[in-house]
Amino acid sequence: MGTILASYFDKAKQAGGIAAQVKLAMLTKMALAAATKAPDSAENIKLFDEALKQIYLKTS
């Protein structure tokens, strides 16, 4: 559970460090600890995809 969602936090860190991870948590309303326990459902993955796109736009 949550392996895919947790990987988004690694991607965010690569894109913008801790600040990007915090932004990801704010946009998804899910911290890393919660993401590791949440299901990797299509709905959750879509939510994280959209949030990560916003982070990439702000860091590029």
PDB file of N, CA and C in Angstrom:
ATOM      1  N   MET A   1       0.830  -1.195   0.000  1.00  0.00           N
ATOM      2  CA  MET A   1       0.000   0.000   0.000  1.00  0.00           C
ATOM      3  C   MET A   1       0.870   1.253   0.000  1.00  0.00           C
ATOM      4  N   GLY A   2       0.500   2.187  -0.793  1.00  0.00           N
ATOM      5  CA  GLY A   2       1.125   3.490  -0.763  1.00  0.00           C
ATOM      6  C   GLY A   2       2.524   3.599  -1.339  1.00  0.00           C
ATOM      7  N   THR A   3       3.025   2.537  -1.968  1.00  0.00           N
ATOM      8  CA  THR A   3       4.391   2.601  -2.512  1.00  0.00           C
ATOM      9  C   THR A   3       4.488   3.620  -3.625  1.00  0.00           C
ATOM     10  N   ILE A   4       3.514   3.637  -4.499  1.00  0.00           N
ATOM     11  CA  ILE A   4       3.517   4.585  -5.614  1.00  0.00           C
ATOM     12  C   ILE A   4       3.344   6.007  -5.082  1.00  0.00           C
ATOM     13  N   LEU A   5       2.410   6.180  -4.156  1.00  0.00           N
ATOM     14  CA  LEU A   5       2.170   7.515  -3.605  1.00  0.00           C
ATOM     15  C   LEU A   5       3.411   8.037  -2.887  1.00  0.00           C
ATOM     16  N   ALA A   6       4.082   7.182  -2.134  1.00  0.00           N
ATOM     17  CA  ALA A   6       5.288   7.601  -1.421  1.00  0.00           C
ATOM     18  C   ALA A   6       6.383   8.017  -2.392  1.00  0.00           C
ATOM     19  N   SER A   7       6.434   7.375  -3.551  1.00  0.00           N
ATOM     20  CA  SER A   7       7.466   7.720  -4.538  1.00  0.00           C
ATOM     21  C   SER A   7       7.295   9.151  -5.055  1.00  0.00           C
ATOM     22  N   TYR A   8       6.095   9.682  -4.988  1.00  0.00           N
ATOM     23  CA  TYR A   8       5.855  11.062  -5.413  1.00  0.00           C
ATOM     24  C   TYR A   8       6.593  12.043  -4.502  1.00  0.00           C
ATOM     25  N   PHE A   9       6.753  11.686  -3.244  1.00  0.00           N
ATOM     26  CA  PHE A   9       7.492  12.557  -2.336  1.00  0.00           C
ATOM     27  C   PHE A   9       8.978  12.588  -2.712  1.00  0.00           C
ATOM     28  N   ASP A  10       9.500  11.460  -3.198  1.00  0.00           N
ATOM     29  CA  ASP A  10      10.890  11.442  -3.683  1.00  0.00           C
ATOM     30  C   ASP A  10      11.031  12.326  -4.915  1.00  0.00           C
ATOM     31  N   LYS A  11      10.063  12.239  -5.815  1.00  0.00           N
ATOM     32  CA  LYS A  11      10.091  13.063  -7.031  1.00  0.00           C
ATOM     33  C   LYS A  11      10.008  14.545  -6.683  1.00  0.00           C
ATOM     34  N   ALA A  12       9.164  14.864  -5.723  1.00  0.00           N
ATOM     35  CA  ALA A  12       9.020  16.257  -5.303  1.00  0.00           C
ATOM     36  C   ALA A  12      10.330  16.764  -4.690  1.00  0.00           C
ATOM     37  N   LYS A  13      10.977  15.922  -3.889  1.00  0.00           N
ATOM     38  CA  LYS A  13      12.238  16.327  -3.268  1.00  0.00           C
ATOM     39  C   LYS A  13      13.296  16.593  -4.328  1.00  0.00           C
ATOM     40  N   GLN A  14      13.337  15.776  -5.357  1.00  0.00           N
ATOM     41  CA  GLN A  14      14.293  15.984  -6.448  1.00  0.00           C
ATOM     42  C   GLN A  14      13.993  17.291  -7.191  1.00  0.00           C
ATOM     43  N   ALA A  15      12.721  17.612  -7.307  1.00  0.00           N
ATOM     44  CA  ALA A  15      12.321  18.811  -8.045  1.00  0.00           C
ATOM     45  C   ALA A  15      12.578  20.093  -7.267  1.00  0.00           C
ATOM     46  N   GLY A  16      12.409  20.059  -5.942  1.00  0.00           N
ATOM     47  CA  GLY A  16      12.518  21.312  -5.201  1.00  0.00           C
ATOM     48  C   GLY A  16      12.825  21.177  -3.727  1.00  0.00           C
ATOM     49  N   GLY A  17      13.341  20.047  -3.320  1.00  0.00           N
ATOM     50  CA  GLY A  17      13.729  19.863  -1.930  1.00  0.00           C
ATOM     51  C   GLY A  17      12.550  19.704  -0.978  1.00  0.00           C
ATOM     52  N   ILE A  18      12.828  20.007   0.268  1.00  0.00           N
ATOM     53  CA  ILE A  18      11.826  19.856   1.324  1.00  0.00           C
ATOM     54  C   ILE A  18      10.610  20.746   1.069  1.00  0.00           C
ATOM     55  N   ALA A  19      10.838  21.945   0.547  1.00  0.00           N
ATOM     56  CA  ALA A  19       9.725  22.864   0.277  1.00  0.00           C
ATOM     57  C   ALA A  19       8.743  22.241  -0.711  1.00  0.00           C
ATOM     58  N   ALA A  20       9.249  21.530  -1.710  1.00  0.00           N
ATOM     59  CA  ALA A  20       8.376  20.883  -2.688  1.00  0.00           C
ATOM     60  C   ALA A  20       7.621  19.721  -2.057  1.00  0.00           C
ATOM     61  N   GLN A  21       8.258  19.022  -1.128  1.00  0.00           N
ATOM     62  CA  GLN A  21       7.567  17.941  -0.426  1.00  0.00           C
ATOM     63  C   GLN A  21       6.426  18.489   0.431  1.00  0.00           C
ATOM     64  N   VAL A  22       6.676  19.595   1.078  1.00  0.00           N
ATOM     65  CA  VAL A  22       5.638  20.243   1.895  1.00  0.00           C
ATOM     66  C   VAL A  22       4.488  20.693   0.994  1.00  0.00           C
ATOM     67  N   LYS A  23       4.823  21.269  -0.151  1.00  0.00           N
ATOM     68  CA  LYS A  23       3.800  21.716  -1.100  1.00  0.00           C
ATOM     69  C   LYS A  23       2.969  20.524  -1.579  1.00  0.00           C
ATOM     70  N   LEU A  24       3.619  19.381  -1.863  1.00  0.00           N
ATOM     71  CA  LEU A  24       2.904  18.181  -2.282  1.00  0.00           C
ATOM     72  C   LEU A  24       1.929  17.729  -1.198  1.00  0.00           C
ATOM     73  N   ALA A  25       2.378  17.748   0.034  1.00  0.00           N
ATOM     74  CA  ALA A  25       1.508  17.363   1.147  1.00  0.00           C
ATOM     75  C   ALA A  25       0.320  18.317   1.265  1.00  0.00           C
ATOM     76  N   MET A  26       0.574  19.602   1.060  1.00  0.00           N
ATOM     77  CA  MET A  26      -0.509  20.588   1.143  1.00  0.00           C
ATOM     78  C   MET A  26      -1.523  20.388   0.012  1.00  0.00           C
ATOM     79  N   LEU A  27      -1.023  20.177  -1.198  1.00  0.00           N
ATOM     80  CA  LEU A  27      -1.919  20.038  -2.348  1.00  0.00           C
ATOM     81  C   LEU A  27      -2.746  18.752  -2.289  1.00  0.00           C
ATOM     82  N   THR A  28      -2.149  17.695  -1.767  1.00  0.00           N
ATOM     83  CA  THR A  28      -2.848  16.401  -1.717  1.00  0.00           C
ATOM     84  C   THR A  28      -3.580  16.187  -0.399  1.00  0.00           C
ATOM     85  N   LYS A  29      -3.284  17.062   0.573  1.00  0.00           N
ATOM     86  CA  LYS A  29      -3.837  16.913   1.928  1.00  0.00           C
ATOM     87  C   LYS A  29      -3.449  15.564   2.524  1.00  0.00           C
ATOM     88  N   MET A  30      -2.206  15.128   2.189  1.00  0.00           N
ATOM     89  CA  MET A  30      -1.725  13.850   2.671  1.00  0.00           C
ATOM     90  C   MET A  30      -0.214  13.927   2.890  1.00  0.00           C
ATOM     91  N   ALA A  31       0.214  13.727   4.121  1.00  0.00           N
ATOM     92  CA  ALA A  31       1.639  13.716   4.438  1.00  0.00           C
ATOM     93  C   ALA A  31       2.246  12.386   4.002  1.00  0.00           C
ATOM     94  N   LEU A  32       3.566  12.308   4.009  1.00  0.00           N
ATOM     95  CA  LEU A  32       4.253  11.093   3.581  1.00  0.00           C
ATOM     96  C   LEU A  32       3.808   9.884   4.401  1.00  0.00           C
ATOM     97  N   ALA A  33       3.686  10.046   5.707  1.00  0.00           N
ATOM     98  CA  ALA A  33       3.276   8.935   6.561  1.00  0.00           C
ATOM     99  C   ALA A  33       1.890   8.413   6.172  1.00  0.00           C
ATOM    100  N   ALA A  34       0.987   9.311   5.859  1.00  0.00           N
ATOM    101  CA  ALA A  34      -0.359   8.911   5.443  1.00  0.00           C
ATOM    102  C   ALA A  34      -0.334   8.298   4.049  1.00  0.00           C
ATOM    103  N   ALA A  35       0.521   8.827   3.178  1.00  0.00           N
ATOM    104  CA  ALA A  35       0.604   8.324   1.805  1.00  0.00           C
ATOM    105  C   ALA A  35       1.096   6.881   1.770  1.00  0.00           C
ATOM    106  N   THR A  36       1.992   6.527   2.680  1.00  0.00           N
ATOM    107  CA  THR A  36       2.501   5.152   2.698  1.00  0.00           C
ATOM    108  C   THR A  36       1.441   4.161   3.142  1.00  0.00           C
ATOM    109  N   LYS A  37       0.430   4.644   3.866  1.00  0.00           N
ATOM    110  CA  LYS A  37      -0.645   3.772   4.345  1.00  0.00           C
ATOM    111  C   LYS A  37      -1.889   3.816   3.456  1.00  0.00           C
ATOM    112  N   ALA A  38      -1.971   4.808   2.589  1.00  0.00           N
ATOM    113  CA  ALA A  38      -3.140   4.973   1.714  1.00  0.00           C
ATOM    114  C   ALA A  38      -3.035   4.017   0.519  1.00  0.00           C
ATOM    115  N   PRO A  39      -4.168   3.643  -0.034  1.00  0.00           N
ATOM    116  CA  PRO A  39      -4.123   2.756  -1.208  1.00  0.00           C
ATOM    117  C   PRO A  39      -3.619   3.502  -2.445  1.00  0.00           C
ATOM    118  N   ASP A  40      -2.895   2.770  -3.288  1.00  0.00           N
ATOM    119  CA  ASP A  40      -2.427   3.317  -4.564  1.00  0.00           C
ATOM    120  C   ASP A  40      -3.558   3.225  -5.595  1.00  0.00           C
ATOM    121  N   SER A  41      -4.674   3.836  -5.266  1.00  0.00           N
ATOM    122  CA  SER A  41      -5.838   3.795  -6.154  1.00  0.00           C
ATOM    123  C   SER A  41      -5.651   4.755  -7.315  1.00  0.00           C
ATOM    124  N   ALA A  42      -6.400   4.542  -8.368  1.00  0.00           N
ATOM    125  CA  ALA A  42      -6.329   5.423  -9.541  1.00  0.00           C
ATOM    126  C   ALA A  42      -6.650   6.862  -9.145  1.00  0.00           C
ATOM    127  N   GLU A  43      -7.597   7.024  -8.249  1.00  0.00           N
ATOM    128  CA  GLU A  43      -7.995   8.367  -7.800  1.00  0.00           C
ATOM    129  C   GLU A  43      -6.849   9.059  -7.055  1.00  0.00           C
ATOM    130  N   ASN A  44      -6.200   8.336  -6.152  1.00  0.00           N
ATOM    131  CA  ASN A  44      -5.082   8.918  -5.405  1.00  0.00           C
ATOM    132  C   ASN A  44      -3.900   9.220  -6.317  1.00  0.00           C
ATOM    133  N   ILE A  45      -3.611   8.326  -7.234  1.00  0.00           N
ATOM    134  CA  ILE A  45      -2.496   8.548  -8.162  1.00  0.00           C
ATOM    135  C   ILE A  45      -2.763   9.771  -9.027  1.00  0.00           C
ATOM    136  N   LYS A  46      -4.002   9.937  -9.472  1.00  0.00           N
ATOM    137  CA  LYS A  46      -4.354  11.109 -10.274  1.00  0.00           C
ATOM    138  C   LYS A  46      -4.160  12.389  -9.455  1.00  0.00           C
ATOM    139  N   LEU A  47      -4.575  12.369  -8.201  1.00  0.00           N
ATOM    140  CA  LEU A  47      -4.415  13.520  -7.311  1.00  0.00           C
ATOM    141  C   LEU A  47      -2.936  13.891  -7.171  1.00  0.00           C
ATOM    142  N   PHE A  48      -2.098  12.897  -6.956  1.00  0.00           N
ATOM    143  CA  PHE A  48      -0.669  13.144  -6.792  1.00  0.00           C
ATOM    144  C   PHE A  48      -0.033  13.582  -8.104  1.00  0.00           C
ATOM    145  N   ASP A  49      -0.470  13.020  -9.222  1.00  0.00           N
ATOM    146  CA  ASP A  49       0.031  13.442 -10.536  1.00  0.00           C
ATOM    147  C   ASP A  49      -0.217  14.931 -10.761  1.00  0.00           C
ATOM    148  N   GLU A  50      -1.445  15.350 -10.515  1.00  0.00           N
ATOM    149  CA  GLU A  50      -1.815  16.749 -10.723  1.00  0.00           C
ATOM    150  C   GLU A  50      -1.018  17.672  -9.794  1.00  0.00           C
ATOM    151  N   ALA A  51      -0.849  17.262  -8.558  1.00  0.00           N
ATOM    152  CA  ALA A  51      -0.094  18.075  -7.600  1.00  0.00           C
ATOM    153  C   ALA A  51       1.371  18.177  -8.026  1.00  0.00           C
ATOM    154  N   LEU A  52       1.939  17.070  -8.468  1.00  0.00           N
ATOM    155  CA  LEU A  52       3.344  17.090  -8.889  1.00  0.00           C
ATOM    156  C   LEU A  52       3.538  17.943 -10.132  1.00  0.00           C
ATOM    157  N   LYS A  53       2.567  17.953 -11.023  1.00  0.00           N
ATOM    158  CA  LYS A  53       2.645  18.815 -12.208  1.00  0.00           C
ATOM    159  C   LYS A  53       2.720  20.283 -11.786  1.00  0.00           C
ATOM    160  N   GLN A  54       1.918  20.658 -10.795  1.00  0.00           N
ATOM    161  CA  GLN A  54       1.941  22.041 -10.297  1.00  0.00           C
ATOM    162  C   GLN A  54       3.300  22.379  -9.703  1.00  0.00           C
ATOM    163  N   ILE A  55       3.881  21.424  -8.989  1.00  0.00           N
ATOM    164  CA  ILE A  55       5.190  21.645  -8.381  1.00  0.00           C
ATOM    165  C   ILE A  55       6.254  21.797  -9.456  1.00  0.00           C
ATOM    166  N   TYR A  56       6.219  20.955 -10.480  1.00  0.00           N
ATOM    167  CA  TYR A  56       7.187  21.041 -11.570  1.00  0.00           C
ATOM    168  C   TYR A  56       7.085  22.387 -12.281  1.00  0.00           C
ATOM    169  N   LEU A  57       5.862  22.885 -12.465  1.00  0.00           N
ATOM    170  CA  LEU A  57       5.688  24.174 -13.142  1.00  0.00           C
ATOM    171  C   LEU A  57       6.316  25.313 -12.332  1.00  0.00           C
ATOM    172  N   LYS A  58       6.227  25.226 -11.015  1.00  0.00           N
ATOM    173  CA  LYS A  58       6.742  26.303 -10.181  1.00  0.00           C
ATOM    174  C   LYS A  58       8.253  26.220  -9.986  1.00  0.00           C
ATOM    175  N   THR A  59       8.837  25.046 -10.194  1.00  0.00           N
ATOM    176  CA  THR A  59      10.268  24.908  -9.981  1.00  0.00           C
ATOM    177  C   THR A  59      11.070  25.027 -11.274  1.00  0.00           C
ATOM    178  N   SER A  60      10.390  25.034 -12.408  1.00  0.00           N
ATOM    179  CA  SER A  60      11.138  25.113 -13.676  1.00  0.00           C
ATOM    180  C   SER A  60      11.289  26.535 -14.152  1.00  0.00           C
TER     181      SER A  60
END
